[in-house]
C-alpha atoms as a PDB file:
ATOM      1  CA  MET A   1     117.291-203.975 -79.737  1.00  0.00           C
ATOM      2  CA  TYR A   2     118.876-200.394 -79.423  1.00  0.00           C
ATOM      3  CA  MET A   3     117.102-197.078 -79.298  1.00  0.00           C
ATOM      4  CA  SER A   4     118.466-193.453 -78.747  1.00  0.00           C
ATOM      5  CA  GLU A   5     116.401-190.264 -78.256  1.00  0.00           C
ATOM      6  CA  ASP A   6     119.251-188.185 -79.762  1.00  0.00           C
ATOM      7  CA  SER A   7     119.986-190.331 -82.806  1.00  0.00           C
ATOM      8  CA  THR A   8     123.628-191.176 -81.448  1.00  0.00           C
ATOM      9  CA  PHE A   9     124.892-194.843 -81.327  1.00  0.00           C
ATOM     10  CA  ASP A  10     127.214-196.166 -78.646  1.00  0.00           C
ATOM     11  CA  LEU A  11     129.573-198.877 -79.970  1.00  0.00           C
ATOM     12  CA  ARG A  12     129.634-200.754 -76.726  1.00  0.00           C
ATOM     13  CA  PHE A  13     126.168-202.138 -77.455  1.00  0.00           C
ATOM     14  CA  LEU A  14     127.598-204.150 -80.244  1.00  0.00           C
ATOM     15  CA  ASN A  15     129.264-206.269 -77.577  1.00  0.00           C
ATOM     16  CA  PRO A  16     127.131-209.500 -77.129  1.00  0.00           C
ATOM     17  CA  PHE A  17     127.968-209.608 -73.352  1.00  0.00           C
ATOM     18  CA  MET A  18     126.066-206.249 -72.810  1.00  0.00           C
ATOM     19  CA  ILE A  19     123.002-208.403 -72.299  1.00  0.00           C
ATOM     20  CA  TYR A  20     124.108-209.171 -68.885  1.00  0.00           C
ATOM     21  CA  HIS A  21     124.486-205.705 -67.630  1.00  0.00           C
ATOM     22  CA  ASN A  22     121.311-204.186 -66.255  1.00  0.00           C
ATOM     23  CA  THR A  23     122.779-200.851 -65.404  1.00  0.00           C
ATOM     24  CA  ASN A  24     122.274-198.459 -68.329  1.00  0.00           C
ATOM     25  CA  ILE A  25     120.953-200.831 -70.849  1.00  0.00           C
ATOM     26  CA  ARG A  26     117.452-200.603 -69.772  1.00  0.00           C
ATOM     27  CA  ALA A  27     117.267-197.001 -70.835  1.00  0.00           C
ATOM     28  CA  THR A  28     118.422-197.481 -74.354  1.00  0.00           C
ATOM     29  CA  ALA A  29     117.999-201.133 -75.298  1.00  0.00           C
ATOM     30  CA  ASN A  30     115.734-204.088 -74.819  1.00  0.00           C
ATOM     31  CA  SER A  31     117.302-207.613 -74.742  1.00  0.00           C
ATOM     32  CA  ILE A  32     115.833-211.009 -75.146  1.00  0.00           C
ATOM     33  CA  LEU A  33     117.270-214.499 -75.128  1.00  0.00           C
ATOM     34  CA  GLY A  34     116.176-217.321 -77.266  1.00  0.00           C
ATOM     35  CA  LEU A  35     116.732-221.038 -77.535  1.00  0.00           C
ATOM     36  CA  ASP A  36     115.606-223.262 -80.542  1.00  0.00           C
ATOM     37  CA  ILE A  37     115.980-227.076 -80.295  1.00  0.00           C
ATOM     38  CA  GLU A  38     115.189-229.493 -83.178  1.00  0.00           C
ATOM     39  CA  ILE A  39     115.414-233.219 -82.925  1.00  0.00           C
ATOM     40  CA  ASN A  40     115.051-235.839 -85.705  1.00  0.00           C
ATOM     41  CA  PRO A  41     114.482-239.087 -83.808  1.00  0.00           C
ATOM     42  CA  TRP A  42     113.325-241.025 -86.926  1.00  0.00           C
ATOM     43  CA  GLU A  43     113.880-240.556 -90.666  1.00  0.00           C
ATOM     44  CA  ASN A  44     110.366-238.906 -91.127  1.00  0.00           C
ATOM     45  CA  LEU A  45     109.811-237.207 -87.903  1.00  0.00           C
ATOM     46  CA  VAL A  46     110.909-234.042 -86.345  1.00  0.00           C
ATOM     47  CA  ILE A  47     110.365-232.811 -82.874  1.00  0.00           C
ATOM     48  CA  TYR A  48     111.082-229.025 -82.146  1.00  0.00           C
ATOM     49  CA  GLY A  49     110.892-226.446 -79.511  1.00  0.00           C
ATOM     50  CA  GLN A  50     111.570-222.954 -78.761  1.00  0.00           C
ATOM     51  CA  PHE A  51     112.215-220.817 -75.679  1.00  0.00           C
ATOM     52  CA  VAL A  52     112.377-217.133 -75.238  1.00  0.00           C
ATOM     53  CA  LEU A  53     113.239-215.288 -71.981  1.00  0.00           C
ATOM     54  CA  ASP A  54     112.367-211.676 -71.702  1.00  0.00           C
ATOM     55  CA  GLU A  55     112.207-211.190 -67.868  1.00  0.00           C
ATOM     56  CA  PHE A  56     113.355-213.502 -65.375  1.00  0.00           C
ATOM     57  CA  SER A  57     112.877-214.146 -61.623  1.00  0.00           C
ATOM     58  CA  LEU A  58     114.442-216.573 -59.201  1.00  0.00           C
ATOM     59  CA  PRO A  59     112.114-219.412 -57.922  1.00  0.00           C
ATOM     60  CA  ARG A  60     111.056-217.628 -54.754  1.00  0.00           C
ATOM     61  CA  GLU A  61     111.838-214.066 -55.743  1.00  0.00           C
ATOM     62  CA  LEU A  62     108.297-213.317 -56.899  1.00  0.00           C
ATOM     63  CA  VAL A  63     106.946-214.503 -53.656  1.00  0.00           C
ATOM     64  CA  GLU A  64     109.549-212.867 -51.326  1.00  0.00           C
ATOM     65  CA  VAL A  65     110.326-209.690 -53.004  1.00  0.00           C
ATOM     66  CA  PRO A  66     107.507-207.175 -53.323  1.00  0.00           C
ATOM     67  CA  GLY A  67     107.691-205.368 -56.703  1.00  0.00           C
ATOM     68  CA  ALA A  68     109.674-207.802 -58.506  1.00  0.00           C
ATOM     69  CA  ASN A  69     109.717-207.657 -62.308  1.00  0.00           C
ATOM     70  CA  PRO A  70     106.920-209.941 -63.922  1.00  0.00           C
ATOM     71  CA  GLU A  71     107.884-213.185 -65.470  1.00  0.00           C
ATOM     72  CA  ALA A  72     107.927-212.747 -69.429  1.00  0.00           C
ATOM     73  CA  ILE A  73     108.772-216.115 -71.052  1.00  0.00           C
ATOM     74  CA  GLY A  74     107.524-217.695 -74.232  1.00  0.00           C
ATOM     75  CA  TYR A  75     107.281-221.360 -74.903  1.00  0.00           C
ATOM     76  CA  LEU A  76     106.621-223.349 -78.268  1.00  0.00           C
ATOM     77  CA  CYS A  77     106.610-226.844 -79.007  1.00  0.00           C
ATOM     78  CA  GLY A  78     105.568-229.131 -81.967  1.00  0.00           C
ATOM     79  CA  ILE A  79     105.859-232.326 -83.984  1.00  0.00           C
ATOM     80  CA  LYS A  80     105.848-232.770 -87.677  1.00  0.00           C
ATOM     81  CA  GLY A  81     106.409-235.734 -90.039  1.00  0.00           C
ATOM     82  CA  ILE A  82     105.812-237.078 -93.409  1.00  0.00           C
ATOM     83  CA  LEU A  83     105.322-240.686 -94.672  1.00  0.00           C
ATOM     84  CA  PRO A  84     105.423-241.953 -98.254  1.00  0.00           C
ATOM     85  CA  LEU A  85     102.171-243.429 -99.517  1.00  0.00           C
ATOM     86  CA  ASP A  86     101.551-244.835-102.808  1.00  0.00           C
ATOM     87  CA  GLU A  87     102.644-242.238-105.393  1.00  0.00           C
ATOM     88  CA  GLY A  88     102.692-239.258-102.903  1.00  0.00           C
ATOM     89  CA  ALA A  89     103.184-238.575 -99.131  1.00  0.00           C
ATOM     90  CA  VAL A  90     100.933-238.014 -95.981  1.00  0.00           C
ATOM     91  CA  PHE A  91     102.161-235.073 -93.888  1.00  0.00           C
ATOM     92  CA  GLY A  92     101.096-233.590 -90.504  1.00  0.00           C
ATOM     93  CA  SER A  93     102.091-231.452 -87.681  1.00  0.00           C
ATOM     94  CA  PHE A  94     100.937-230.375 -84.332  1.00  0.00           C
ATOM     95  CA  GLU A  95     101.829-227.222 -82.525  1.00  0.00           C
ATOM     96  CA  VAL A  96     101.425-225.661 -79.091  1.00  0.00           C
ATOM     97  CA  ALA A  97     102.590-222.202 -77.782  1.00  0.00           C
ATOM     98  CA  LEU A  98     102.211-220.255 -74.630  1.00  0.00           C
ATOM     99  CA  THR A  99     103.505-216.644 -73.967  1.00  0.00           C
ATOM    100  CA  ASP A 100     103.234-214.973 -70.546  1.00  0.00           C
ATOM    101  CA  PRO A 101     101.184-211.816 -70.299  1.00  0.00           C
ATOM    102  CA  TYR A 102     104.070-209.361 -70.201  1.00  0.00           C
ATOM    103  CA  LEU A 103     106.252-210.934 -72.959  1.00  0.00           C
ATOM    104  CA  TYR A 104     107.800-208.246 -75.252  1.00  0.00           C
ATOM    105  CA  LEU A 105     106.322-205.381 -73.111  1.00  0.00           C
ATOM    106  CA  ARG A 106     108.119-202.706 -71.117  1.00  0.00           C
ATOM    107  CA  ASP A 107     107.519-200.938 -67.706  1.00  0.00           C
ATOM    108  CA  ILE A 108     106.458-197.232 -67.396  1.00  0.00           C
ATOM    109  CA  GLY A 109     109.557-196.411 -65.573  1.00  0.00           C
ATOM    110  CA  ASP A 110     112.943-196.847 -67.334  1.00  0.00           C
ATOM    111  CA  GLY A 111     111.454-197.469 -70.536  1.00  0.00           C
ATOM    112  CA  LYS A 112     109.428-194.218 -70.643  1.00  0.00           C
ATOM    113  CA  GLN A 113     106.411-195.865 -72.228  1.00  0.00           C
ATOM    114  CA  ASN A 114     103.623-193.780 -71.005  1.00  0.00           C
ATOM    115  CA  PRO A 115     100.263-194.308 -72.493  1.00  0.00           C
ATOM    116  CA  GLY A 116     100.016-192.963 -76.168  1.00  0.00           C
ATOM    117  CA  GLU A 117     103.773-193.129 -76.535  1.00  0.00           C
ATOM    118  CA  TYR A 118     106.187-195.628 -77.820  1.00  0.00           C
ATOM    119  CA  GLY A 119     108.771-197.217 -75.620  1.00  0.00           C
ATOM    120  CA  ILE A 120     111.580-199.771 -76.238  1.00  0.00           C
ATOM    121  CA  ASN A 121     109.292-202.645 -76.783  1.00  0.00           C
ATOM    122  CA  TYR A 122     108.963-205.242 -79.592  1.00  0.00           C
ATOM    123  CA  VAL A 123     106.221-203.535 -81.568  1.00  0.00           C
ATOM    124  CA  ILE A 124     107.031-202.515 -84.960  1.00  0.00           C
ATOM    125  CA  GLY A 125     105.395-200.288 -87.477  1.00  0.00           C
ATOM    126  CA  ILE A 126     105.222-201.629 -91.100  1.00  0.00           C
ATOM    127  CA  ARG A 127     104.510-199.053 -93.732  1.00  0.00           C
ATOM    128  CA  GLU A 128     102.014-199.805 -96.265  1.00  0.00           C
ATOM    129  CA  PHE A 129     101.035-198.220 -99.376  1.00  0.00           C
ATOM    130  CA  THR A 130      97.550-198.389-100.815  1.00  0.00           C
ATOM    131  CA  PRO A 131      97.236-197.339-104.544  1.00  0.00           C
ATOM    132  CA  PRO A 132      95.805-195.474-106.368  1.00  0.00           C
ATOM    133  CA  VAL A 133      95.557-192.915-103.713  1.00  0.00           C
ATOM    134  CA  THR A 134      98.978-192.059-102.043  1.00  0.00           C
ATOM    135  CA  ASN A 135      97.851-193.175 -98.753  1.00  0.00           C
ATOM    136  CA  ILE A 136     100.411-194.542 -96.497  1.00  0.00           C
ATOM    137  CA  SER A 137      99.358-196.399 -93.320  1.00  0.00           C
ATOM    138  CA  ILE A 138     101.411-197.982 -90.599  1.00  0.00           C
ATOM    139  CA  MET A 139     100.581-201.587 -89.577  1.00  0.00           C
ATOM    140  CA  GLU A 140     101.587-202.523 -86.108  1.00  0.00           C
ATOM    141  CA  ASP A 141     102.823-205.877 -85.042  1.00  0.00           C
ATOM    142  CA  PHE A 142     105.040-207.878 -82.971  1.00  0.00           C
ATOM    143  CA  LEU A 143     108.722-208.400 -83.889  1.00  0.00           C
ATOM    144  CA  GLY A 144     108.547-211.863 -82.465  1.00  0.00           C
ATOM    145  CA  TYR A 145     105.841-214.447 -82.179  1.00  0.00           C
ATOM    146  CA  GLU A 146     103.133-213.501 -84.584  1.00  0.00           C
ATOM    147  CA  TYR A 147     100.255-213.967 -82.093  1.00  0.00           C
ATOM    148  CA  GLY A 148     102.186-211.929 -79.341  1.00  0.00           C
ATOM    149  CA  ASN A 149     101.691-211.974 -75.619  1.00  0.00           C
ATOM    150  CA  ASP A 150      99.169-213.527 -73.300  1.00  0.00           C
ATOM    151  CA  VAL A 151      98.196-216.324 -75.630  1.00  0.00           C
ATOM    152  CA  VAL A 152      97.779-220.113 -75.629  1.00  0.00           C
ATOM    153  CA  VAL A 153      97.785-221.571 -79.211  1.00  0.00           C
ATOM    154  CA  PHE A 154      97.102-225.008 -80.681  1.00  0.00           C
ATOM    155  CA  ASN A 155      97.564-225.811 -84.490  1.00  0.00           C
ATOM    156  CA  LEU A 156      96.880-229.099 -86.059  1.00  0.00           C
ATOM    157  CA  ASN A 157      97.578-229.418 -89.763  1.00  0.00           C
ATOM    158  CA  GLY A 158      97.701-232.377 -92.215  1.00  0.00           C
ATOM    159  CA  GLY A 159      97.189-233.502 -95.641  1.00  0.00           C
ATOM    160  CA  TYR A 160      98.212-235.559 -98.805  1.00  0.00           C
ATOM    161  CA  THR A 161     100.281-234.644-101.672  1.00  0.00           C
ATOM    162  CA  VAL A 162     101.359-236.102-105.101  1.00  0.00           C
ATOM    163  CA  PHE A 163     104.396-234.167-106.126  1.00  0.00           C
ATOM    164  CA  ASP A 164     103.747-232.068-109.388  1.00  0.00           C
ATOM    165  CA  ARG A 165     100.123-233.221-109.385  1.00  0.00           C
ATOM    166  CA  PHE A 166      97.951-232.262-106.616  1.00  0.00           C
ATOM    167  CA  ARG A 167      97.813-231.217-102.953  1.00  0.00           C
ATOM    168  CA  ILE A 168      95.104-231.291-100.261  1.00  0.00           C
ATOM    169  CA  GLU A 169      95.416-229.933 -96.885  1.00  0.00           C
ATOM    170  CA  GLY A 170      93.357-229.202 -93.718  1.00  0.00           C
ATOM    171  CA  ASN A 171      93.979-227.234 -90.756  1.00  0.00           C
ATOM    172  CA  VAL A 172      92.559-226.730 -87.093  1.00  0.00           C
ATOM    173  CA  PHE A 173      93.554-223.693 -85.212  1.00  0.00           C
ATOM    174  CA  TYR A 174      92.412-222.775 -81.658  1.00  0.00           C
ATOM    175  CA  LEU A 175      93.665-219.457 -79.982  1.00  0.00           C
ATOM    176  CA  LEU A 176      93.071-218.214 -76.302  1.00  0.00           C
ATOM    177  CA  HIS A 177      93.945-214.631 -75.983  1.00  0.00           C
ATOM    178  CA  GLY A 178      93.906-212.630 -72.661  1.00  0.00           C
ATOM    179  CA  THR A 179      93.140-209.211 -72.010  1.00  0.00           C
ATOM    180  CA  HIS A 180      96.920-207.980 -72.477  1.00  0.00           C
ATOM    181  CA  ASP A 181      97.898-206.970 -75.797  1.00  0.00           C
ATOM    182  CA  MET A 182     100.979-205.185 -77.478  1.00  0.00           C
ATOM    183  CA  TYR A 183     100.218-201.985 -75.970  1.00  0.00           C
ATOM    184  CA  THR A 184      99.878-203.005 -72.322  1.00  0.00           C
ATOM    185  CA  LEU A 185     102.182-201.370 -69.829  1.00  0.00           C
ATOM    186  CA  TRP A 186     103.309-202.565 -66.576  1.00  0.00           C
ATOM    187  CA  ALA A 187     104.361-200.806 -63.355  1.00  0.00           C
ATOM    188  CA  ILE A 188     106.027-202.085 -60.192  1.00  0.00           C
ATOM    189  CA  GLY A 189     103.521-203.349 -57.788  1.00  0.00           C
ATOM    190  CA  SER A 190     103.448-205.362 -54.468  1.00  0.00           C
ATOM    191  CA  ASN A 191     102.719-208.941 -53.891  1.00  0.00           C
ATOM    192  CA  SER A 192      99.574-207.822 -51.925  1.00  0.00           C
ATOM    193  CA  ASP A 193      98.417-205.818 -54.821  1.00  0.00           C
ATOM    194  CA  PRO A 194      95.663-207.503 -56.996  1.00  0.00           C
ATOM    195  CA  ASP A 195      97.049-205.610 -59.957  1.00  0.00           C
ATOM    196  CA  ASP A 196     100.614-206.725 -59.209  1.00  0.00           C
ATOM    197  CA  PRO A 197     102.054-207.876 -62.715  1.00  0.00           C
ATOM    198  CA  THR A 198     103.941-210.826 -61.044  1.00  0.00           C
ATOM    199  CA  LEU A 199     100.305-212.238 -60.084  1.00  0.00           C
ATOM    200  CA  VAL A 200      98.748-212.633 -63.582  1.00  0.00           C
ATOM    201  CA  SER A 201      98.994-215.627 -65.675  1.00  0.00           C
ATOM    202  CA  THR A 202      98.049-216.586 -69.173  1.00  0.00           C
ATOM    203  CA  PRO A 203      95.400-216.108 -70.316  1.00  0.00           C
ATOM    204  CA  THR A 204      94.189-213.013 -68.340  1.00  0.00           C
ATOM    205  CA  THR A 205      90.629-211.961 -67.724  1.00  0.00           C
ATOM    206  CA  THR A 206      91.255-208.600 -66.208  1.00  0.00           C
ATOM    207  CA  PRO A 207      93.381-205.834 -67.811  1.00  0.00           C
ATOM    208  CA  ALA A 208      96.378-204.119 -66.404  1.00  0.00           C
ATOM    209  CA  SER A 209      95.715-201.067 -64.503  1.00  0.00           C
ATOM    210  CA  SER A 210      99.073-199.341 -65.506  1.00  0.00           C
ATOM    211  CA  GLY A 211      97.859-198.207 -69.019  1.00  0.00           C
ATOM    212  CA  ASN A 212      97.232-198.876 -72.453  1.00  0.00           C
ATOM    213  CA  HIS A 213      96.951-197.061 -75.873  1.00  0.00           C
ATOM    214  CA  ASP A 214      93.331-198.089 -76.145  1.00  0.00           C
ATOM    215  CA  PRO A 215      91.066-196.572 -73.412  1.00  0.00           C
ATOM    216  CA  ALA A 216      88.564-199.338 -74.055  1.00  0.00           C
ATOM    217  CA  SER A 217      91.013-201.776 -72.722  1.00  0.00           C
ATOM    218  CA  ASN A 218      90.228-200.981 -69.049  1.00  0.00           C
ATOM    219  CA  SER A 219      86.683-202.563 -69.594  1.00  0.00           C
ATOM    220  CA  ARG A 220      88.117-205.889 -71.098  1.00  0.00           C
ATOM    221  CA  ASP A 221      86.594-208.822 -68.777  1.00  0.00           C
ATOM    222  CA  ALA A 222      87.039-212.123 -70.755  1.00  0.00           C
ATOM    223  CA  VAL A 223      89.372-214.266 -72.507  1.00  0.00           C
ATOM    224  CA  GLU A 224      88.782-214.145 -76.428  1.00  0.00           C
ATOM    225  CA  TYR A 225      88.414-217.686 -78.016  1.00  0.00           C
ATOM    226  CA  THR A 226      89.224-218.049 -81.709  1.00  0.00           C
ATOM    227  CA  LEU A 227      88.529-221.197 -83.682  1.00  0.00           C
ATOM    228  CA  ALA A 228      89.459-221.573 -87.363  1.00  0.00           C
ATOM    229  CA  LEU A 229      88.907-224.337 -89.513  1.00  0.00           C
ATOM    230  CA  GLY A 230      90.548-224.519 -92.971  1.00  0.00           C
ATOM    231  CA  MET A 231      90.832-226.464 -96.158  1.00  0.00           C
ATOM    232  CA  LYS A 232      92.870-225.919 -99.137  1.00  0.00           C
ATOM    233  CA  GLY A 233      93.904-227.791-102.316  1.00  0.00           C
ATOM    234  CA  SER A 234      95.830-227.280-105.530  1.00  0.00           C
ATOM    235  CA  TYR A 235      95.852-229.222-108.864  1.00  0.00           C
ATOM    236  CA  GLN A 236      98.509-228.965-111.649  1.00  0.00           C
ATOM    237  CA  ILE A 237      96.683-228.695-114.961  1.00  0.00           C
ATOM    238  CA  LEU A 238      99.745-228.367-117.204  1.00  0.00           C
ATOM    239  CA  GLU A 239     103.550-228.319-116.365  1.00  0.00           C
ATOM    240  CA  ASN A 240     103.514-224.614-115.630  1.00  0.00           C
ATOM    241  CA  LEU A 241      99.871-224.095-114.801  1.00  0.00           C
ATOM    242  CA  GLU A 242      98.220-224.669-111.412  1.00  0.00           C
ATOM    243  CA  VAL A 243      94.767-224.007-109.934  1.00  0.00           C
ATOM    244  CA  TYR A 244      94.063-223.762-106.276  1.00  0.00           C
ATOM    245  CA  SER A 245      91.284-222.919-103.734  1.00  0.00           C
ATOM    246  CA  GLN A 246      90.977-222.460-100.214  1.00  0.00           C
ATOM    247  CA  ALA A 247      88.014-221.974 -97.526  1.00  0.00           C
ATOM    248  CA  ASP A 248      88.329-220.927 -94.055  1.00  0.00           C
ATOM    249  CA  TRP A 249      85.731-220.633 -91.310  1.00  0.00           C
ATOM    250  CA  ILE A 250      86.617-218.535 -88.344  1.00  0.00           C
ATOM    251  CA  TYR A 251      84.593-218.198 -85.182  1.00  0.00           C
ATOM    252  CA  LYS A 252      85.187-215.998 -82.157  1.00  0.00           C
ATOM    253  CA  ILE A 253      83.629-215.966 -78.641  1.00  0.00           C
ATOM    254  CA  ASN A 254      84.095-212.861 -76.674  1.00  0.00           C
ATOM    255  CA  PRO A 255      85.456-210.929 -79.504  1.00  0.00           C
ATOM    256  CA  GLY A 256      87.792-207.946 -78.350  1.00  0.00           C
ATOM    257  CA  ASN A 257      87.849-209.529 -74.793  1.00  0.00           C
ATOM    258  CA  PHE A 258      84.445-208.274 -73.945  1.00  0.00           C
ATOM    259  CA  SER A 259      81.938-210.848 -72.372  1.00  0.00           C
ATOM    260  CA  THR A 260      79.044-208.574 -73.665  1.00  0.00           C
ATOM    261  CA  ASN A 261      79.911-209.033 -77.202  1.00  0.00           C
ATOM    262  CA  VAL A 262      78.091-211.752 -79.057  1.00  0.00           C
ATOM    263  CA  PRO A 263      80.186-214.316 -80.885  1.00  0.00           C
ATOM    264  CA  VAL A 264      80.917-213.632 -84.525  1.00  0.00           C
ATOM    265  CA  SER A 265      81.824-215.693 -87.431  1.00  0.00           C
ATOM    266  CA  ASP A 266      83.387-215.289 -90.783  1.00  0.00           C
ATOM    267  CA  LEU A 267      83.758-217.566 -93.996  1.00  0.00           C
ATOM    268  CA  GLN A 268      86.550-216.724 -96.441  1.00  0.00           C
ATOM    269  CA  VAL A 269      86.939-218.339 -99.744  1.00  0.00           C
ATOM    270  CA  THR A 270      89.916-218.071-102.374  1.00  0.00           C
ATOM    271  CA  VAL A 271      90.030-219.335-105.797  1.00  0.00           C
ATOM    272  CA  GLY A 272      93.005-218.739-108.139  1.00  0.00           C
ATOM    273  CA  ALA A 273      95.564-219.934-110.625  1.00  0.00           C
ATOM    274  CA  SER A 274      99.195-219.603-110.911  1.00  0.00           C
ATOM    275  CA  TYR A 275     101.590-219.824-113.931  1.00  0.00           C
ATOM    276  CA  ARG A 276     105.238-220.287-113.813  1.00  0.00           C
ATOM    277  CA  LEU A 277     107.811-219.765-116.444  1.00  0.00           C
END
């Protein structure tokens, strides 16, 4: 990911080997390495995994070198399969993900990411237009894993379908989100400093002291837990006409990462129909 303050472009950054150079690249670019693996051990079963590397330290570097960069790594693994049954098929999947507190984030120094400013991170702004008023808002999100940094995610899904007739599906989602978010900054510390970013692990219960766009983030003191239970189904009435419905119940403990906030819940129901030519 490349960025230039004066709107110029350096052709050298098109060289894929630039990722191995750490002299000038941190001032204008942010590099990340990813690995995807998918194995099909049996006909109806797939095992897959993803690994992403943003910051890396050697095994004893964090212990012996004060002020080393924090680990910023993400892991994801899952299994999914489908099994023919009668006229249809049973399907299911289970996925687990863990991201480090400082994955996708930048330090205050070379990245020039001071509180309230944008640095070379993996946060993007998506323009949204809301009719009938000509208001354009910016929805900020990660360019990467949808739940971002400092999370542990479990997702279980399963159901049964008869193709071109009906489909029923259930889902259980559980998320642990620490106090670090997409606007958390990190500054070089020492291994004797309790705020040293190299000492934190997912999910965090105390915020980083180096800064954040949200002033209230300094008061975060707990992991936010989210449980979502969902059920949806569809039925094909005619060849081109299908009706569907979905219900989701969402429950949060420590919403916003504040232990003083009472748990909240929400029930969402959707009913609709689709027609295909």
